[in-house]
Amino acid sequence: MANLLWGQVYYKNDFVGVLRQEPGKRMSFTYDTSYLNAEQPAIAYTLSLRPEPFISQSGLPPFFDNLVAEGLTGRSTDTPSWHTAGVSL
């Protein structure tokens, strides 16, 4: 079984949620429960506050596409390492 990548997402130094690689080319973003309970703002108009994951069928959700470094998306020849890098907005 392949190792699926994941990364923590931060907005203004607050932990917001997790961006995950799913089987196939799918990606998901899920808000953390503590962020939702704190009544913080959504990080994007296209990512409204909800506990259910946002699923992208082919690659990163559009909001994240230009925010993540090239090496973290697997487009580079280097081994991706989302779990250590995270994504800060």
PDB file of N, CA and C in Angstrom:
ATOM      1  N   MET A   1       0.845  -1.184   0.000  1.00  0.00           N
ATOM      2  CA  MET A   1       0.000   0.000   0.000  1.00  0.00           C
ATOM      3  C   MET A   1       0.886   1.242   0.000  1.00  0.00           C
ATOM      4  N   ALA A   2       0.554   2.191  -0.826  1.00  0.00           N
ATOM      5  CA  ALA A   2       1.335   3.429  -0.930  1.00  0.00           C
ATOM      6  C   ALA A   2       1.082   4.324   0.275  1.00  0.00           C
ATOM      7  N   ASN A   3       2.104   5.091   0.635  1.00  0.00           N
ATOM      8  CA  ASN A   3       1.939   6.080   1.691  1.00  0.00           C
ATOM      9  C   ASN A   3       1.199   7.278   1.127  1.00  0.00           C
ATOM     10  N   LEU A   4       0.082   7.620   1.725  1.00  0.00           N
ATOM     11  CA  LEU A   4      -0.672   8.781   1.287  1.00  0.00           C
ATOM     12  C   LEU A   4      -0.170   9.998   2.051  1.00  0.00           C
ATOM     13  N   LEU A   5      -0.079  11.108   1.347  1.00  0.00           N
ATOM     14  CA  LEU A   5       0.458  12.336   1.924  1.00  0.00           C
ATOM     15  C   LEU A   5      -0.638  13.139   2.618  1.00  0.00           C
ATOM     16  N   TRP A   6      -0.229  13.944   3.579  1.00  0.00           N
ATOM     17  CA  TRP A   6      -1.155  14.824   4.266  1.00  0.00           C
ATOM     18  C   TRP A   6      -0.400  16.052   4.748  1.00  0.00           C
ATOM     19  N   GLY A   7      -1.115  17.112   5.010  1.00  0.00           N
ATOM     20  CA  GLY A   7      -0.493  18.330   5.521  1.00  0.00           C
ATOM     21  C   GLY A   7      -1.452  19.099   6.402  1.00  0.00           C
ATOM     22  N   GLN A   8      -0.913  19.731   7.413  1.00  0.00           N
ATOM     23  CA  GLN A   8      -1.713  20.573   8.292  1.00  0.00           C
ATOM     24  C   GLN A   8      -1.851  21.948   7.640  1.00  0.00           C
ATOM     25  N   VAL A   9      -3.042  22.514   7.728  1.00  0.00           N
ATOM     26  CA  VAL A   9      -3.316  23.827   7.145  1.00  0.00           C
ATOM     27  C   VAL A   9      -3.490  24.830   8.275  1.00  0.00           C
ATOM     28  N   TYR A  10      -2.772  25.957   8.165  1.00  0.00           N
ATOM     29  CA  TYR A  10      -2.837  27.030   9.159  1.00  0.00           C
ATOM     30  C   TYR A  10      -3.304  28.316   8.491  1.00  0.00           C
ATOM     31  N   TYR A  11      -4.082  29.102   9.214  1.00  0.00           N
ATOM     32  CA  TYR A  11      -4.531  30.414   8.757  1.00  0.00           C
ATOM     33  C   TYR A  11      -4.251  31.394   9.889  1.00  0.00           C
ATOM     34  N   LYS A  12      -3.382  32.359   9.628  1.00  0.00           N
ATOM     35  CA  LYS A  12      -2.982  33.343  10.653  1.00  0.00           C
ATOM     36  C   LYS A  12      -2.540  32.647  11.933  1.00  0.00           C
ATOM     37  N   ASN A  13      -1.696  31.654  11.799  1.00  0.00           N
ATOM     38  CA  ASN A  13      -1.112  30.882  12.899  1.00  0.00           C
ATOM     39  C   ASN A  13      -2.095  29.972  13.636  1.00  0.00           C
ATOM     40  N   ASP A  14      -3.332  29.880  13.185  1.00  0.00           N
ATOM     41  CA  ASP A  14      -4.299  28.975  13.804  1.00  0.00           C
ATOM     42  C   ASP A  14      -4.405  27.704  12.959  1.00  0.00           C
ATOM     43  N   PHE A  15      -4.406  26.554  13.620  1.00  0.00           N
ATOM     44  CA  PHE A  15      -4.588  25.294  12.918  1.00  0.00           C
ATOM     45  C   PHE A  15      -6.023  25.238  12.415  1.00  0.00           C
ATOM     46  N   VAL A  16      -6.180  25.043  11.104  1.00  0.00           N
ATOM     47  CA  VAL A  16      -7.487  25.075  10.460  1.00  0.00           C
ATOM     48  C   VAL A  16      -7.993  23.676  10.139  1.00  0.00           C
ATOM     49  N   GLY A  17      -7.124  22.833   9.599  1.00  0.00           N
ATOM     50  CA  GLY A  17      -7.574  21.509   9.189  1.00  0.00           C
ATOM     51  C   GLY A  17      -6.472  20.734   8.501  1.00  0.00           C
ATOM     52  N   VAL A  18      -6.877  19.685   7.783  1.00  0.00           N
ATOM     53  CA  VAL A  18      -5.920  18.784   7.161  1.00  0.00           C
ATOM     54  C   VAL A  18      -6.237  18.613   5.677  1.00  0.00           C
ATOM     55  N   LEU A  19      -5.186  18.703   4.878  1.00  0.00           N
ATOM     56  CA  LEU A  19      -5.251  18.443   3.444  1.00  0.00           C
ATOM     57  C   LEU A  19      -4.658  17.064   3.235  1.00  0.00           C
ATOM     58  N   ARG A  20      -5.396  16.161   2.577  1.00  0.00           N
ATOM     59  CA  ARG A  20      -4.960  14.768   2.426  1.00  0.00           C
ATOM     60  C   ARG A  20      -5.008  14.296   0.993  1.00  0.00           C
ATOM     61  N   GLN A  21      -4.060  13.444   0.679  1.00  0.00           N
ATOM     62  CA  GLN A  21      -4.102  12.714  -0.576  1.00  0.00           C
ATOM     63  C   GLN A  21      -4.961  11.477  -0.313  1.00  0.00           C
ATOM     64  N   GLU A  22      -5.909  11.214  -1.200  1.00  0.00           N
ATOM     65  CA  GLU A  22      -6.783  10.049  -1.094  1.00  0.00           C
ATOM     66  C   GLU A  22      -6.369   9.045  -2.174  1.00  0.00           C
ATOM     67  N   PRO A  23      -6.835   7.814  -2.098  1.00  0.00           N
ATOM     68  CA  PRO A  23      -6.514   6.852  -3.157  1.00  0.00           C
ATOM     69  C   PRO A  23      -6.903   7.381  -4.539  1.00  0.00           C
ATOM     70  N   GLY A  24      -6.106   7.037  -5.533  1.00  0.00           N
ATOM     71  CA  GLY A  24      -6.312   7.576  -6.870  1.00  0.00           C
ATOM     72  C   GLY A  24      -5.714   8.978  -6.927  1.00  0.00           C
ATOM     73  N   LYS A  25      -6.317   9.854  -7.670  1.00  0.00           N
ATOM     74  CA  LYS A  25      -5.814  11.235  -7.753  1.00  0.00           C
ATOM     75  C   LYS A  25      -6.646  12.190  -6.919  1.00  0.00           C
ATOM     76  N   ARG A  26      -7.470  11.644  -6.041  1.00  0.00           N
ATOM     77  CA  ARG A  26      -8.345  12.489  -5.220  1.00  0.00           C
ATOM     78  C   ARG A  26      -7.569  13.160  -4.091  1.00  0.00           C
ATOM     79  N   MET A  27      -8.058  14.332  -3.692  1.00  0.00           N
ATOM     80  CA  MET A  27      -7.512  15.071  -2.556  1.00  0.00           C
ATOM     81  C   MET A  27      -8.693  15.518  -1.713  1.00  0.00           C
ATOM     82  N   SER A  28      -8.463  15.682  -0.416  1.00  0.00           N
ATOM     83  CA  SER A  28      -9.531  16.179   0.448  1.00  0.00           C
ATOM     84  C   SER A  28      -8.985  17.218   1.419  1.00  0.00           C
ATOM     85  N   PHE A  29      -9.861  18.117   1.802  1.00  0.00           N
ATOM     86  CA  PHE A  29      -9.569  19.077   2.859  1.00  0.00           C
ATOM     87  C   PHE A  29     -10.695  18.989   3.866  1.00  0.00           C
ATOM     88  N   THR A  30     -10.318  18.873   5.151  1.00  0.00           N
ATOM     89  CA  THR A  30     -11.308  18.803   6.222  1.00  0.00           C
ATOM     90  C   THR A  30     -10.940  19.816   7.294  1.00  0.00           C
ATOM     91  N   TYR A  31     -11.912  20.668   7.651  1.00  0.00           N
ATOM     92  CA  TYR A  31     -11.707  21.600   8.762  1.00  0.00           C
ATOM     93  C   TYR A  31     -11.582  20.823  10.063  1.00  0.00           C
ATOM     94  N   ASP A  32     -10.722  21.277  10.952  1.00  0.00           N
ATOM     95  CA  ASP A  32     -10.586  20.692  12.271  1.00  0.00           C
ATOM     96  C   ASP A  32     -11.793  21.094  13.123  1.00  0.00           C
ATOM     97  N   THR A  33     -12.268  20.186  13.944  1.00  0.00           N
ATOM     98  CA  THR A  33     -13.439  20.444  14.786  1.00  0.00           C
ATOM     99  C   THR A  33     -13.231  21.638  15.705  1.00  0.00           C
ATOM    100  N   SER A  34     -12.042  21.785  16.256  1.00  0.00           N
ATOM    101  CA  SER A  34     -11.795  22.915  17.165  1.00  0.00           C
ATOM    102  C   SER A  34     -11.872  24.254  16.427  1.00  0.00           C
ATOM    103  N   TYR A  35     -11.455  24.281  15.154  1.00  0.00           N
ATOM    104  CA  TYR A  35     -11.556  25.505  14.357  1.00  0.00           C
ATOM    105  C   TYR A  35     -13.031  25.816  14.089  1.00  0.00           C
ATOM    106  N   LEU A  36     -13.802  24.807  13.760  1.00  0.00           N
ATOM    107  CA  LEU A  36     -15.235  25.018  13.520  1.00  0.00           C
ATOM    108  C   LEU A  36     -15.943  25.491  14.784  1.00  0.00           C
ATOM    109  N   ASN A  37     -15.616  24.900  15.918  1.00  0.00           N
ATOM    110  CA  ASN A  37     -16.255  25.265  17.185  1.00  0.00           C
ATOM    111  C   ASN A  37     -15.887  26.665  17.655  1.00  0.00           C
ATOM    112  N   ALA A  38     -14.739  27.158  17.235  1.00  0.00           N
ATOM    113  CA  ALA A  38     -14.279  28.492  17.639  1.00  0.00           C
ATOM    114  C   ALA A  38     -14.928  29.600  16.807  1.00  0.00           C
ATOM    115  N   GLU A  39     -15.777  29.216  15.863  1.00  0.00           N
ATOM    116  CA  GLU A  39     -16.486  30.173  15.007  1.00  0.00           C
ATOM    117  C   GLU A  39     -15.535  31.105  14.265  1.00  0.00           C
ATOM    118  N   GLN A  40     -14.438  30.538  13.787  1.00  0.00           N
ATOM    119  CA  GLN A  40     -13.473  31.274  12.973  1.00  0.00           C
ATOM    120  C   GLN A  40     -14.023  31.408  11.548  1.00  0.00           C
ATOM    121  N   PRO A  41     -13.453  32.321  10.733  1.00  0.00           N
ATOM    122  CA  PRO A  41     -13.943  32.478   9.362  1.00  0.00           C
ATOM    123  C   PRO A  41     -13.487  31.334   8.456  1.00  0.00           C
ATOM    124  N   ALA A  42     -14.224  31.132   7.383  1.00  0.00           N
ATOM    125  CA  ALA A  42     -13.799  30.173   6.361  1.00  0.00           C
ATOM    126  C   ALA A  42     -12.511  30.682   5.733  1.00  0.00           C
ATOM    127  N   ILE A  43     -11.639  29.796   5.294  1.00  0.00           N
ATOM    128  CA  ILE A  43     -10.371  30.229   4.696  1.00  0.00           C
ATOM    129  C   ILE A  43     -10.543  30.639   3.238  1.00  0.00           C
ATOM    130  N   ALA A  44     -11.676  30.281   2.640  1.00  0.00           N
ATOM    131  CA  ALA A  44     -11.959  30.663   1.251  1.00  0.00           C
ATOM    132  C   ALA A  44     -13.469  30.599   1.025  1.00  0.00           C
ATOM    133  N   TYR A  45     -13.953  31.391   0.091  1.00  0.00           N
ATOM    134  CA  TYR A  45     -15.379  31.349  -0.234  1.00  0.00           C
ATOM    135  C   TYR A  45     -15.784  29.969  -0.743  1.00  0.00           C
ATOM    136  N   THR A  46     -14.871  29.289  -1.396  1.00  0.00           N
ATOM    137  CA  THR A  46     -15.162  27.963  -1.955  1.00  0.00           C
ATOM    138  C   THR A  46     -15.020  26.851  -0.920  1.00  0.00           C
ATOM    139  N   LEU A  47     -14.568  27.188   0.295  1.00  0.00           N
ATOM    140  CA  LEU A  47     -14.406  26.198   1.365  1.00  0.00           C
ATOM    141  C   LEU A  47     -15.198  26.659   2.584  1.00  0.00           C
ATOM    142  N   SER A  48     -16.519  26.671   2.446  1.00  0.00           N
ATOM    143  CA  SER A  48     -17.372  27.131   3.536  1.00  0.00           C
ATOM    144  C   SER A  48     -17.170  26.244   4.765  1.00  0.00           C
ATOM    145  N   LEU A  49     -17.484  26.788   5.917  1.00  0.00           N
ATOM    146  CA  LEU A  49     -17.301  26.036   7.163  1.00  0.00           C
ATOM    147  C   LEU A  49     -18.286  24.880   7.223  1.00  0.00           C
ATOM    148  N   ARG A  50     -17.751  23.674   7.370  1.00  0.00           N
ATOM    149  CA  ARG A  50     -18.568  22.464   7.517  1.00  0.00           C
ATOM    150  C   ARG A  50     -17.678  21.330   8.005  1.00  0.00           C
ATOM    151  N   PRO A  51     -18.248  20.372   8.700  1.00  0.00           N
ATOM    152  CA  PRO A  51     -17.426  19.261   9.206  1.00  0.00           C
ATOM    153  C   PRO A  51     -17.089  18.219   8.143  1.00  0.00           C
ATOM    154  N   GLU A  52     -17.874  18.137   7.072  1.00  0.00           N
ATOM    155  CA  GLU A  52     -17.623  17.149   6.031  1.00  0.00           C
ATOM    156  C   GLU A  52     -16.419  17.565   5.181  1.00  0.00           C
ATOM    157  N   PRO A  53     -15.657  16.608   4.692  1.00  0.00           N
ATOM    158  CA  PRO A  53     -14.499  16.949   3.858  1.00  0.00           C
ATOM    159  C   PRO A  53     -14.917  17.486   2.484  1.00  0.00           C
ATOM    160  N   PHE A  54     -14.077  18.341   1.935  1.00  0.00           N
ATOM    161  CA  PHE A  54     -14.202  18.812   0.555  1.00  0.00           C
ATOM    162  C   PHE A  54     -13.346  17.865  -0.275  1.00  0.00           C
ATOM    163  N   ILE A  55     -13.917  17.259  -1.296  1.00  0.00           N
ATOM    164  CA  ILE A  55     -13.208  16.277  -2.112  1.00  0.00           C
ATOM    165  C   ILE A  55     -12.965  16.850  -3.499  1.00  0.00           C
ATOM    166  N   SER A  56     -11.726  16.750  -3.949  1.00  0.00           N
ATOM    167  CA  SER A  56     -11.367  17.114  -5.318  1.00  0.00           C
ATOM    168  C   SER A  56     -11.014  15.814  -6.031  1.00  0.00           C
ATOM    169  N   GLN A  57     -11.652  15.565  -7.160  1.00  0.00           N
ATOM    170  CA  GLN A  57     -11.479  14.293  -7.855  1.00  0.00           C
ATOM    171  C   GLN A  57     -10.142  14.160  -8.586  1.00  0.00           C
ATOM    172  N   SER A  58      -9.490  15.292  -8.895  1.00  0.00           N
ATOM    173  CA  SER A  58      -8.217  15.200  -9.636  1.00  0.00           C
ATOM    174  C   SER A  58      -7.245  16.269  -9.159  1.00  0.00           C
ATOM    175  N   GLY A  59      -6.498  15.945  -8.129  1.00  0.00           N
ATOM    176  CA  GLY A  59      -5.482  16.872  -7.630  1.00  0.00           C
ATOM    177  C   GLY A  59      -6.003  17.779  -6.531  1.00  0.00           C
ATOM    178  N   LEU A  60      -5.226  18.801  -6.244  1.00  0.00           N
ATOM    179  CA  LEU A  60      -5.564  19.725  -5.162  1.00  0.00           C
ATOM    180  C   LEU A  60      -6.850  20.475  -5.439  1.00  0.00           C
ATOM    181  N   PRO A  61      -7.610  20.778  -4.377  1.00  0.00           N
ATOM    182  CA  PRO A  61      -8.743  21.685  -4.560  1.00  0.00           C
ATOM    183  C   PRO A  61      -8.194  23.016  -5.108  1.00  0.00           C
ATOM    184  N   PRO A  62      -8.942  23.681  -5.989  1.00  0.00           N
ATOM    185  CA  PRO A  62      -8.428  24.891  -6.646  1.00  0.00           C
ATOM    186  C   PRO A  62      -7.825  25.930  -5.699  1.00  0.00           C
ATOM    187  N   PHE A  63      -8.409  26.128  -4.531  1.00  0.00           N
ATOM    188  CA  PHE A  63      -7.889  27.135  -3.603  1.00  0.00           C
ATOM    189  C   PHE A  63      -6.441  26.862  -3.213  1.00  0.00           C
ATOM    190  N   PHE A  64      -6.081  25.601  -3.050  1.00  0.00           N
ATOM    191  CA  PHE A  64      -4.741  25.226  -2.606  1.00  0.00           C
ATOM    192  C   PHE A  64      -3.731  25.081  -3.741  1.00  0.00           C
ATOM    193  N   ASP A  65      -4.200  24.974  -4.955  1.00  0.00           N
ATOM    194  CA  ASP A  65      -3.334  24.637  -6.085  1.00  0.00           C
ATOM    195  C   ASP A  65      -2.104  25.530  -6.207  1.00  0.00           C
ATOM    196  N   ASN A  66      -2.241  26.832  -6.062  1.00  0.00           N
ATOM    197  CA  ASN A  66      -1.095  27.729  -6.201  1.00  0.00           C
ATOM    198  C   ASN A  66      -0.429  28.076  -4.875  1.00  0.00           C
ATOM    199  N   LEU A  67      -0.932  27.534  -3.781  1.00  0.00           N
ATOM    200  CA  LEU A  67      -0.358  27.842  -2.467  1.00  0.00           C
ATOM    201  C   LEU A  67       0.687  26.833  -2.017  1.00  0.00           C
ATOM    202  N   VAL A  68       0.596  25.614  -2.518  1.00  0.00           N
ATOM    203  CA  VAL A  68       1.496  24.546  -2.090  1.00  0.00           C
ATOM    204  C   VAL A  68       2.735  24.534  -2.976  1.00  0.00           C
ATOM    205  N   ALA A  69       3.879  24.407  -2.353  1.00  0.00           N
ATOM    206  CA  ALA A  69       5.146  24.365  -3.097  1.00  0.00           C
ATOM    207  C   ALA A  69       5.160  23.187  -4.061  1.00  0.00           C
ATOM    208  N   GLU A  70       5.832  23.339  -5.180  1.00  0.00           N
ATOM    209  CA  GLU A  70       5.865  22.326  -6.232  1.00  0.00           C
ATOM    210  C   GLU A  70       6.277  20.953  -5.724  1.00  0.00           C
ATOM    211  N   GLY A  71       7.274  20.882  -4.907  1.00  0.00           N
ATOM    212  CA  GLY A  71       7.768  19.601  -4.418  1.00  0.00           C
ATOM    213  C   GLY A  71       6.769  18.857  -3.554  1.00  0.00           C
ATOM    214  N   LEU A  72       5.829  19.574  -2.956  1.00  0.00           N
ATOM    215  CA  LEU A  72       4.861  18.938  -2.083  1.00  0.00           C
ATOM    216  C   LEU A  72       3.724  18.290  -2.846  1.00  0.00           C
ATOM    217  N   THR A  73       3.539  18.633  -4.093  1.00  0.00           N
ATOM    218  CA  THR A  73       2.446  18.058  -4.872  1.00  0.00           C
ATOM    219  C   THR A  73       2.889  16.860  -5.684  1.00  0.00           C
ATOM    220  N   GLY A  74       4.155  16.511  -5.613  1.00  0.00           N
ATOM    221  CA  GLY A  74       4.645  15.362  -6.354  1.00  0.00           C
ATOM    222  C   GLY A  74       5.032  15.704  -7.782  1.00  0.00           C
ATOM    223  N   ARG A  75       5.026  16.979  -8.141  1.00  0.00           N
ATOM    224  CA  ARG A  75       5.415  17.389  -9.487  1.00  0.00           C
ATOM    225  C   ARG A  75       6.929  17.441  -9.629  1.00  0.00           C
ATOM    226  N   SER A  76       7.597  17.375  -8.522  1.00  0.00           N
ATOM    227  CA  SER A  76       9.056  17.416  -8.504  1.00  0.00           C
ATOM    228  C   SER A  76       9.586  15.979  -8.445  1.00  0.00           C
ATOM    229  N   THR A  77      10.864  15.830  -8.735  1.00  0.00           N
ATOM    230  CA  THR A  77      11.471  14.500  -8.645  1.00  0.00           C
ATOM    231  C   THR A  77      11.806  14.147  -7.198  1.00  0.00           C
ATOM    232  N   ASP A  78      11.809  15.111  -6.309  1.00  0.00           N
ATOM    233  CA  ASP A  78      12.077  14.850  -4.897  1.00  0.00           C
ATOM    234  C   ASP A  78      10.877  14.158  -4.259  1.00  0.00           C
ATOM    235  N   THR A  79      11.122  13.462  -3.170  1.00  0.00           N
ATOM    236  CA  THR A  79      10.041  12.815  -2.442  1.00  0.00           C
ATOM    237  C   THR A  79       9.221  13.865  -1.700  1.00  0.00           C
ATOM    238  N   PRO A  80       7.909  13.919  -1.924  1.00  0.00           N
ATOM    239  CA  PRO A  80       7.071  14.894  -1.224  1.00  0.00           C
ATOM    240  C   PRO A  80       7.044  14.632   0.274  1.00  0.00           C
ATOM    241  N   SER A  81       6.855  15.694   1.055  1.00  0.00           N
ATOM    242  CA  SER A  81       6.792  15.518   2.504  1.00  0.00           C
ATOM    243  C   SER A  81       5.833  16.528   3.114  1.00  0.00           C
ATOM    244  N   TRP A  82       4.571  16.435   2.813  1.00  0.00           N
ATOM    245  CA  TRP A  82       3.573  17.369   3.342  1.00  0.00           C
ATOM    246  C   TRP A  82       3.531  17.366   4.835  1.00  0.00           C
ATOM    247  N   HIS A  83       3.617  16.197   5.441  1.00  0.00           N
ATOM    248  CA  HIS A  83       3.427  16.104   6.880  1.00  0.00           C
ATOM    249  C   HIS A  83       4.432  16.933   7.662  1.00  0.00           C
ATOM    250  N   THR A  84       5.575  17.213   7.084  1.00  0.00           N
ATOM    251  CA  THR A  84       6.553  18.026   7.800  1.00  0.00           C
ATOM    252  C   THR A  84       6.469  19.492   7.407  1.00  0.00           C
ATOM    253  N   ALA A  85       5.904  19.792   6.258  1.00  0.00           N
ATOM    254  CA  ALA A  85       5.898  21.160   5.787  1.00  0.00           C
ATOM    255  C   ALA A  85       4.649  21.920   6.183  1.00  0.00           C
ATOM    256  N   GLY A  86       3.485  21.314   6.075  1.00  0.00           N
ATOM    257  CA  GLY A  86       2.252  22.015   6.341  1.00  0.00           C
ATOM    258  C   GLY A  86       1.962  23.047   5.265  1.00  0.00           C
ATOM    259  N   VAL A  87       0.849  23.700   5.379  1.00  0.00           N
ATOM    260  CA  VAL A  87       0.456  24.736   4.439  1.00  0.00           C
ATOM    261  C   VAL A  87       0.014  25.919   5.264  1.00  0.00           C
ATOM    262  N   SER A  88       0.649  27.068   5.090  1.00  0.00           N
ATOM    263  CA  SER A  88       0.252  28.265   5.825  1.00  0.00           C
ATOM    264  C   SER A  88      -0.390  29.252   4.882  1.00  0.00           C
ATOM    265  N   LEU A  89      -1.474  29.845   5.320  1.00  0.00           N
ATOM    266  CA  LEU A  89      -2.188  30.835   4.501  1.00  0.00           C
ATOM    267  C   LEU A  89      -2.021  32.202   5.100  1.00  0.00           C
TER     268      LEU A  89
END
